[in-house]
Amino acid sequence: MAINKVEFLKKLELFKNFNDKDLEEIAKYFHEKHYNKGDYLFFEEEAEPGIYILVDGLVKLLKETPDGKTIIVRLVFPKELFGWVEFGGRKPRYTYTAQAVLPSTVLYMSNQDFINLSMKYPQLALMITCDLSEKLLETYEVLKSIASGKVEERIAKLLIELGDKIGQETPEGYLVIEAPITRQDIAEMTGTTVETAIRIMSKWKKEGIIDAQRGRIVLKDLDYLEELAGY
């Protein structure tokens, strides 16, 4: 079933100040794409520039380090943007590969369509560029943090960030993260081994700091995690 692109765009902060007529025009630049679990949306070295908005599903953004390790630099949740744009053929320094973790639907706008859109809606183009640039800088910060700091600190930061993004608060004050995030994913997002991620998560579970089951992580002692993360 095709997406009602106008109704979907209305739900995004970037498009909240546009009327229906403008949104109908903007929606023409976006093309609906579907991916199965495990499909690659694009590869870092081969990717054509463009803008993606995740409609549903879950996407992970991957970066290969100089020593051949694969790191997840970001998980993309519905209504979030990813990708990049180029002006004058200049590619951003920090790009990545994108892979669907779940069956996923995106709205895609090519680089050329974005340039055309910017002629009609320069303010929107500026906001999109700023949003994408901020997220590319976050990619750099992830790579930088992996190169320094203790593993426990990095995992604590990751769990707090996930809790802030998609966590649901319980009456007890816990944060529940409902997402198909594996120990392998946690290892790849924090630049460590699966064995180390399992050891740390198991230790925290025994100490009552978290509870972890398949597809569900409960942050029970946020004060401890925030102190460990240096917040």
Foldseek 3Di string as FASTA:
>chain_A
DDDPQLVQLCPAPLCVPDDSVVSVVVLVQWDKDKDAAFDWPFFFVGDAFWKKAWAAAKKWWWDADPVGAIAGLDIHHHRAMEGAEDDPPDDDPQHTIMGTNHTTMIIIGGNVSLVVVCVVPVVSSVVVNVRHVVSSVSSVVQVVVLVDDDLLLQLLVVVVVQQVVAWDADPLGKTKRQAQQDLCNSCRSNVHDSVVSVVSVVVCVVVVQWPDDGRMIIGNNNVVSCVSNVD
